[in-house]
C-alpha atoms as a PDB file:
ATOM      1  CA  UNK A   1     -55.895 -50.167 -56.781  1.00  0.00           C
ATOM      2  CA  UNK A   2     -52.749 -52.007 -57.212  1.00  0.00           C
ATOM      3  CA  UNK A   3     -51.660 -49.530 -59.791  1.00  0.00           C
ATOM      4  CA  UNK A   4     -52.463 -46.801 -57.375  1.00  0.00           C
ATOM      5  CA  UNK A   5     -50.528 -48.537 -54.592  1.00  0.00           C
ATOM      6  CA  UNK A   6     -47.632 -49.120 -56.933  1.00  0.00           C
ATOM      7  CA  UNK A   7     -47.676 -45.498 -58.005  1.00  0.00           C
ATOM      8  CA  UNK A   8     -47.857 -44.319 -54.386  1.00  0.00           C
ATOM      9  CA  UNK A   9     -45.018 -46.640 -53.409  1.00  0.00           C
ATOM     10  CA  UNK A  10     -42.914 -45.178 -56.192  1.00  0.00           C
ATOM     11  CA  UNK A  11     -43.837 -41.607 -55.320  1.00  0.00           C
ATOM     12  CA  UNK A  12     -43.417 -42.044 -51.592  1.00  0.00           C
ATOM     13  CA  UNK A  13     -39.592 -42.187 -51.662  1.00  0.00           C
ATOM     14  CA  UNK A  14     -39.585 -39.205 -54.049  1.00  0.00           C
ATOM     15  CA  UNK A  15     -41.890 -37.260 -51.760  1.00  0.00           C
ATOM     16  CA  UNK A  16     -39.865 -38.318 -48.759  1.00  0.00           C
ATOM     17  CA  UNK A  17     -36.667 -37.139 -50.442  1.00  0.00           C
ATOM     18  CA  UNK A  18     -38.352 -33.891 -51.496  1.00  0.00           C
ATOM     19  CA  UNK A  19     -39.591 -33.330 -47.938  1.00  0.00           C
ATOM     20  CA  UNK A  20     -36.124 -34.062 -46.552  1.00  0.00           C
ATOM     21  CA  UNK A  21     -34.546 -31.582 -48.975  1.00  0.00           C
ATOM     22  CA  UNK A  22     -37.198 -29.020 -48.119  1.00  0.00           C
ATOM     23  CA  UNK A  23     -36.691 -29.728 -44.397  1.00  0.00           C
ATOM     24  CA  UNK A  24     -32.909 -29.413 -44.776  1.00  0.00           C
ATOM     25  CA  UNK A  25     -33.361 -26.150 -46.690  1.00  0.00           C
ATOM     26  CA  UNK A  26     -35.721 -24.735 -44.030  1.00  0.00           C
ATOM     27  CA  UNK A  27     -33.420 -26.000 -41.285  1.00  0.00           C
ATOM     28  CA  UNK A  28     -30.399 -24.414 -42.985  1.00  0.00           C
ATOM     29  CA  UNK A  29     -32.299 -21.140 -43.442  1.00  0.00           C
ATOM     30  CA  UNK A  30     -33.315 -21.152 -39.761  1.00  0.00           C
ATOM     31  CA  UNK A  31     -29.718 -21.902 -38.710  1.00  0.00           C
ATOM     32  CA  UNK A  32     -28.457 -19.019 -40.826  1.00  0.00           C
ATOM     33  CA  UNK A  33     -31.100 -16.723 -39.376  1.00  0.00           C
ATOM     34  CA  UNK A  34     -30.251 -17.775 -35.783  1.00  0.00           C
ATOM     35  CA  UNK A  35     -26.510 -17.475 -36.491  1.00  0.00           C
ATOM     36  CA  UNK A  36     -27.000 -13.999 -37.894  1.00  0.00           C
ATOM     37  CA  UNK A  37     -29.063 -12.964 -34.856  1.00  0.00           C
ATOM     38  CA  UNK A  38     -26.423 -14.412 -32.539  1.00  0.00           C
ATOM     39  CA  UNK A  39     -23.699 -12.579 -34.452  1.00  0.00           C
ATOM     40  CA  UNK A  40     -25.622  -9.310 -34.087  1.00  0.00           C
ATOM     41  CA  UNK A  41     -26.154  -9.949 -30.382  1.00  0.00           C
ATOM     42  CA  UNK A  42     -22.459 -10.803 -29.965  1.00  0.00           C
ATOM     43  CA  UNK A  43     -21.581  -7.554 -31.724  1.00  0.00           C
ATOM     44  CA  UNK A  44     -23.894  -5.583 -29.409  1.00  0.00           C
ATOM     45  CA  UNK A  45     -22.421  -7.364 -26.384  1.00  0.00           C
ATOM     46  CA  UNK A  46     -18.902  -6.499 -27.543  1.00  0.00           C
ATOM     47  CA  UNK A  47     -19.920  -2.866 -28.055  1.00  0.00           C
ATOM     48  CA  UNK A  48     -21.490  -2.751 -24.590  1.00  0.00           C
ATOM     49  CA  UNK A  49     -18.432  -4.395 -23.052  1.00  0.00           C
ATOM     50  CA  UNK A  50     -16.159  -1.903 -24.801  1.00  0.00           C
ATOM     51  CA  UNK A  51     -18.374   0.939 -23.632  1.00  0.00           C
ATOM     52  CA  UNK A  52     -18.368  -0.498 -20.106  1.00  0.00           C
ATOM     53  CA  UNK A  53     -14.585  -0.846 -20.127  1.00  0.00           C
ATOM     54  CA  UNK A  54     -14.291   2.740 -21.370  1.00  0.00           C
ATOM     55  CA  UNK A  55     -16.624   3.983 -18.659  1.00  0.00           C
ATOM     56  CA  UNK A  56     -14.862   1.846 -16.073  1.00  0.00           C
ATOM     57  CA  UNK A  57     -11.517   3.334 -17.167  1.00  0.00           C
ATOM     58  CA  UNK A  58     -13.005   6.840 -17.041  1.00  0.00           C
ATOM     59  CA  UNK A  59     -14.410   6.129 -13.567  1.00  0.00           C
ATOM     60  CA  UNK A  60     -11.009   4.873 -12.457  1.00  0.00           C
ATOM     61  CA  UNK A  61      -9.454   8.086 -13.744  1.00  0.00           C
ATOM     62  CA  UNK A  62     -12.184  10.116 -12.032  1.00  0.00           C
ATOM     63  CA  UNK A  63     -11.592   8.210  -8.798  1.00  0.00           C
ATOM     64  CA  UNK A  64      -7.853   8.747  -9.070  1.00  0.00           C
ATOM     65  CA  UNK A  65      -8.454  12.464  -9.619  1.00  0.00           C
ATOM     66  CA  UNK A  66     -10.853  12.565  -6.652  1.00  0.00           C
ATOM     67  CA  UNK A  67      -8.303  10.736  -4.497  1.00  0.00           C
ATOM     68  CA  UNK A  68      -5.605  13.214  -5.574  1.00  0.00           C
ATOM     69  CA  UNK A  69      -7.864  16.159  -4.723  1.00  0.00           C
ATOM     70  CA  UNK A  70      -8.791  14.603  -1.367  1.00  0.00           C
ATOM     71  CA  UNK A  71      -5.110  14.063  -0.528  1.00  0.00           C
ATOM     72  CA  UNK A  72      -4.376  17.660  -1.541  1.00  0.00           C
ATOM     73  CA  UNK A  73      -7.264  18.991   0.590  1.00  0.00           C
ATOM     74  CA  UNK A  74      -6.163  16.816   3.507  1.00  0.00           C
ATOM     75  CA  UNK A  75      -2.683  18.286   3.194  1.00  0.00           C
ATOM     76  CA  UNK A  76      -4.078  21.818   3.189  1.00  0.00           C
ATOM     77  CA  UNK A  77      -6.346  21.066   6.147  1.00  0.00           C
ATOM     78  CA  UNK A  78      -3.456  19.539   8.113  1.00  0.00           C
ATOM     79  CA  UNK A  79      -1.309  22.564   7.274  1.00  0.00           C
ATOM     80  CA  UNK A  80      -4.045  24.912   8.512  1.00  0.00           C
ATOM     81  CA  UNK A  81      -4.493  22.802  11.641  1.00  0.00           C
ATOM     82  CA  UNK A  82      -0.800  23.129  12.374  1.00  0.00           C
ATOM     83  CA  UNK A  83      -0.901  26.864  11.728  1.00  0.00           C
ATOM     84  CA  UNK A  84      -4.018  27.332  13.846  1.00  0.00           C
ATOM     85  CA  UNK A  85      -2.499  25.208  16.599  1.00  0.00           C
ATOM     86  CA  UNK A  86       0.651  27.332  16.485  1.00  0.00           C
ATOM     87  CA  UNK A  87      -1.422  30.517  16.409  1.00  0.00           C
ATOM     88  CA  UNK A  88      -3.549  29.377  19.359  1.00  0.00           C
ATOM     89  CA  UNK A  89      -0.458  28.340  21.261  1.00  0.00           C
ATOM     90  CA  UNK A  90       1.134  31.721  20.597  1.00  0.00           C
ATOM     91  CA  UNK A  91      -2.086  33.539  21.459  1.00  0.00           C
ATOM     92  CA  UNK A  92      -2.408  31.514  24.647  1.00  0.00           C
ATOM     93  CA  UNK A  93       1.159  32.391  25.609  1.00  0.00           C
ATOM     94  CA  UNK A  94       0.536  36.080  24.879  1.00  0.00           C
ATOM     95  CA  UNK A  95      -2.635  36.030  26.981  1.00  0.00           C
ATOM     96  CA  UNK A  96      -0.804  34.251  29.794  1.00  0.00           C
ATOM     97  CA  UNK A  97       1.924  36.918  29.846  1.00  0.00           C
ATOM     98  CA  UNK A  98      -0.726  39.673  29.689  1.00  0.00           C
ATOM     99  CA  UNK A  99      -2.580  38.176  32.665  1.00  0.00           C
ATOM    100  CA  UNK A 100       0.733  37.831  34.521  1.00  0.00           C
ATOM    101  CA  UNK A 101       1.403  41.522  33.802  1.00  0.00           C
ATOM    102  CA  UNK A 102      -2.022  42.405  35.235  1.00  0.00           C
ATOM    103  CA  UNK A 103      -1.331  40.339  38.346  1.00  0.00           C
ATOM    104  CA  UNK A 104       2.116  41.934  38.723  1.00  0.00           C
ATOM    105  CA  UNK A 105       0.430  45.329  38.389  1.00  0.00           C
ATOM    106  CA  UNK A 106      -1.959  44.447  41.221  1.00  0.00           C
ATOM    107  CA  UNK A 107       0.871  43.077  43.402  1.00  0.00           C
ATOM    108  CA  UNK A 108       2.929  46.232  42.801  1.00  0.00           C
ATOM    109  CA  UNK A 109       0.198  48.286  44.477  1.00  0.00           C
ATOM    110  CA  UNK A 110      -1.648  49.641  41.431  1.00  0.00           C
ATOM    111  CA  UNK A 111       1.069  51.877  40.188  1.00  0.00           C
ATOM    112  CA  UNK A 112       0.847  52.184  36.448  1.00  0.00           C
ATOM    113  CA  UNK A 113       2.049  49.328  34.333  1.00  0.00           C
ATOM    114  CA  UNK A 114       5.776  49.296  33.964  1.00  0.00           C
ATOM    115  CA  UNK A 115       7.161  49.189  30.434  1.00  0.00           C
ATOM    116  CA  UNK A 116       7.523  45.428  30.315  1.00  0.00           C
ATOM    117  CA  UNK A 117       4.022  44.812  31.675  1.00  0.00           C
ATOM    118  CA  UNK A 118       2.507  47.268  29.224  1.00  0.00           C
ATOM    119  CA  UNK A 119       4.393  45.631  26.341  1.00  0.00           C
ATOM    120  CA  UNK A 120       3.099  42.200  27.377  1.00  0.00           C
ATOM    121  CA  UNK A 121      -0.479  43.474  27.405  1.00  0.00           C
ATOM    122  CA  UNK A 122      -0.047  45.354  24.099  1.00  0.00           C
ATOM    123  CA  UNK A 123       1.521  42.299  22.446  1.00  0.00           C
ATOM    124  CA  UNK A 124      -1.628  40.309  23.197  1.00  0.00           C
ATOM    125  CA  UNK A 125      -3.915  43.152  22.140  1.00  0.00           C
ATOM    126  CA  UNK A 126      -2.041  43.535  18.859  1.00  0.00           C
ATOM    127  CA  UNK A 127      -2.750  39.895  18.066  1.00  0.00           C
ATOM    128  CA  UNK A 128      -6.478  40.711  17.823  1.00  0.00           C
ATOM    129  CA  UNK A 129      -8.161  43.296  15.622  1.00  0.00           C
ATOM    130  CA  UNK A 130     -10.652  44.543  18.245  1.00  0.00           C
ATOM    131  CA  UNK A 131      -8.587  46.102  21.027  1.00  0.00           C
ATOM    132  CA  UNK A 132     -11.537  46.574  23.420  1.00  0.00           C
ATOM    133  CA  UNK A 133     -12.423  42.907  23.045  1.00  0.00           C
ATOM    134  CA  UNK A 134      -8.784  41.997  23.669  1.00  0.00           C
ATOM    135  CA  UNK A 135      -8.796  44.144  26.834  1.00  0.00           C
ATOM    136  CA  UNK A 136     -12.006  42.441  27.992  1.00  0.00           C
ATOM    137  CA  UNK A 137     -10.395  39.048  27.369  1.00  0.00           C
ATOM    138  CA  UNK A 138      -7.350  39.989  29.446  1.00  0.00           C
ATOM    139  CA  UNK A 139      -9.630  41.283  32.212  1.00  0.00           C
ATOM    140  CA  UNK A 140     -11.868  38.190  32.110  1.00  0.00           C
ATOM    141  CA  UNK A 141      -8.850  35.868  32.148  1.00  0.00           C
ATOM    142  CA  UNK A 142      -7.527  37.801  35.174  1.00  0.00           C
ATOM    143  CA  UNK A 143     -10.800  37.773  37.125  1.00  0.00           C
ATOM    144  CA  UNK A 144     -10.220  34.471  38.967  1.00  0.00           C
ATOM    145  CA  UNK A 145      -7.045  35.961  40.441  1.00  0.00           C
ATOM    146  CA  UNK A 146      -8.470  39.385  41.361  1.00  0.00           C
ATOM    147  CA  UNK A 147     -10.509  40.608  44.287  1.00  0.00           C
ATOM    148  CA  UNK A 148     -13.697  42.508  43.458  1.00  0.00           C
ATOM    149  CA  UNK A 149     -12.194  45.940  44.286  1.00  0.00           C
ATOM    150  CA  UNK A 150      -9.153  45.227  42.083  1.00  0.00           C
ATOM    151  CA  UNK A 151     -11.230  44.642  38.949  1.00  0.00           C
ATOM    152  CA  UNK A 152     -12.140  48.309  38.393  1.00  0.00           C
ATOM    153  CA  UNK A 153      -8.554  49.480  38.762  1.00  0.00           C
ATOM    154  CA  UNK A 154      -7.332  46.846  36.281  1.00  0.00           C
ATOM    155  CA  UNK A 155     -10.171  47.675  33.896  1.00  0.00           C
ATOM    156  CA  UNK A 156      -9.233  51.386  34.016  1.00  0.00           C
ATOM    157  CA  UNK A 157      -5.585  50.631  33.335  1.00  0.00           C
ATOM    158  CA  UNK A 158      -6.480  48.344  30.405  1.00  0.00           C
ATOM    159  CA  UNK A 159      -8.801  51.055  28.993  1.00  0.00           C
ATOM    160  CA  UNK A 160      -5.921  53.488  29.203  1.00  0.00           C
ATOM    161  CA  UNK A 161      -3.714  51.086  27.225  1.00  0.00           C
ATOM    162  CA  UNK A 162      -6.446  50.598  24.593  1.00  0.00           C
ATOM    163  CA  UNK A 163      -6.849  54.364  24.229  1.00  0.00           C
ATOM    164  CA  UNK A 164      -3.095  54.794  23.996  1.00  0.00           C
ATOM    165  CA  UNK A 165      -2.924  52.126  21.243  1.00  0.00           C
ATOM    166  CA  UNK A 166      -5.714  53.845  19.291  1.00  0.00           C
ATOM    167  CA  UNK A 167      -3.926  57.181  19.489  1.00  0.00           C
ATOM    168  CA  UNK A 168      -0.665  55.612  18.343  1.00  0.00           C
ATOM    169  CA  UNK A 169      -2.426  54.005  15.388  1.00  0.00           C
ATOM    170  CA  UNK A 170      -4.129  57.293  14.477  1.00  0.00           C
ATOM    171  CA  UNK A 171      -0.813  59.132  14.638  1.00  0.00           C
ATOM    172  CA  UNK A 172       0.911  56.538  12.457  1.00  0.00           C
ATOM    173  CA  UNK A 173      -1.909  56.795   9.902  1.00  0.00           C
ATOM    174  CA  UNK A 174      -1.758  60.576   9.802  1.00  0.00           C
ATOM    175  CA  UNK A 175       2.026  60.460   9.402  1.00  0.00           C
ATOM    176  CA  UNK A 176       1.599  57.970   6.570  1.00  0.00           C
ATOM    177  CA  UNK A 177      -0.819  60.287   4.732  1.00  0.00           C
ATOM    178  CA  UNK A 178       1.486  63.326   4.968  1.00  0.00           C
ATOM    179  CA  UNK A 179       4.519  61.591   3.531  1.00  0.00           C
END
């Protein structure tokens, strides 16, 4: 037994050293494996970050382009608003002068429109494509200032102007075709 104990005591440090070497080797292998996995993960993270930065840059460019388009559309819309406002203001002024011409016509005792009054009415009617609708608008805008018996006389006079404008347009078209 003593021999066996002696032999075991001698082998024990050798086995311990062998186990330590084996442990160190396994530990080193595991470290290398973990380091390699970390390196791969770091590489994937870098790729994703680069992709994200690229997408972020592209989104910034897209947003800048959208902002530019929005500013351009806003400019166009504001321009149209100004034009429409000017058009409505002009149209309102034309309607006002047409209604004044109708009222002057009524005050003058229903004689036919004088040249200036007729021009004022025609100027408003020319601003719209549908002349009958324009005449109705002038009549409707004049109604609050007219008595019930005056409406028919004004309506007849406006119809005459509409008919006259249609004839003038037809004549100008026929002259244009014969040239």
